[in-house]
């Protein structure tokens, strides 16, 4: 996985070229020194949180656009390998960046020990984003799944068959489903392949006899 510095350097070069900005003009807009900007574009140094926020404002982009690496079909972010960006009061790491399209749904899922769920493909263009919050979980496209621990993150295409299987006990995860327009599931349970909801006994309709 490329470092944060590599991603920032590539995105800065691209954004500056797209906007036709010199380093001097970018420095004036961001109030970041020209030498610092030059080092960041070369992939040198450890960018501070405050510096990156200033650059995002100067480029008129979201913070995540400066950190986003080159996209891959299955994107894995290991908690032990992904660097945090530190500031004066907070440290953060970018898990993923979602461009608004269609509908986005958020779920918390609990996977029972010993279970294995093989999910049929969702609609075309659906993406799944999953952050393991406890336990270990095997997840992802069939034949290309990955084993994750608490704190690990994965993004993968949901429009191909995929699997969820806890490893060594139960597991829990936060799942974000990104549905393009026209690709919504028929019911919420289909979005996360949850077991069917229990049937609810309804009172008989007027004139009907219970027990028929």
Foldseek 3Di string as FASTA:
>chain_A
DDAQLVLLLVLVVVLCVVVVHDLVRLCVQLVDDSVVNVCSNVSHDQDAPSSLVSSCVSSVHDSVSSRDDDDDQKDKDAQVPHDWHHYPPDTHGDQDDDDDADDKDKDKDKFFAPDKDKAAAFDPPKKKKKAWQAAWKFKAAVVDTDIGHHGMIMMHHRRHIMMIHTDPGMTMMMMMMHAHPPRDDPDPCSRVVHPDDDDDDDDDDPPDDPPD
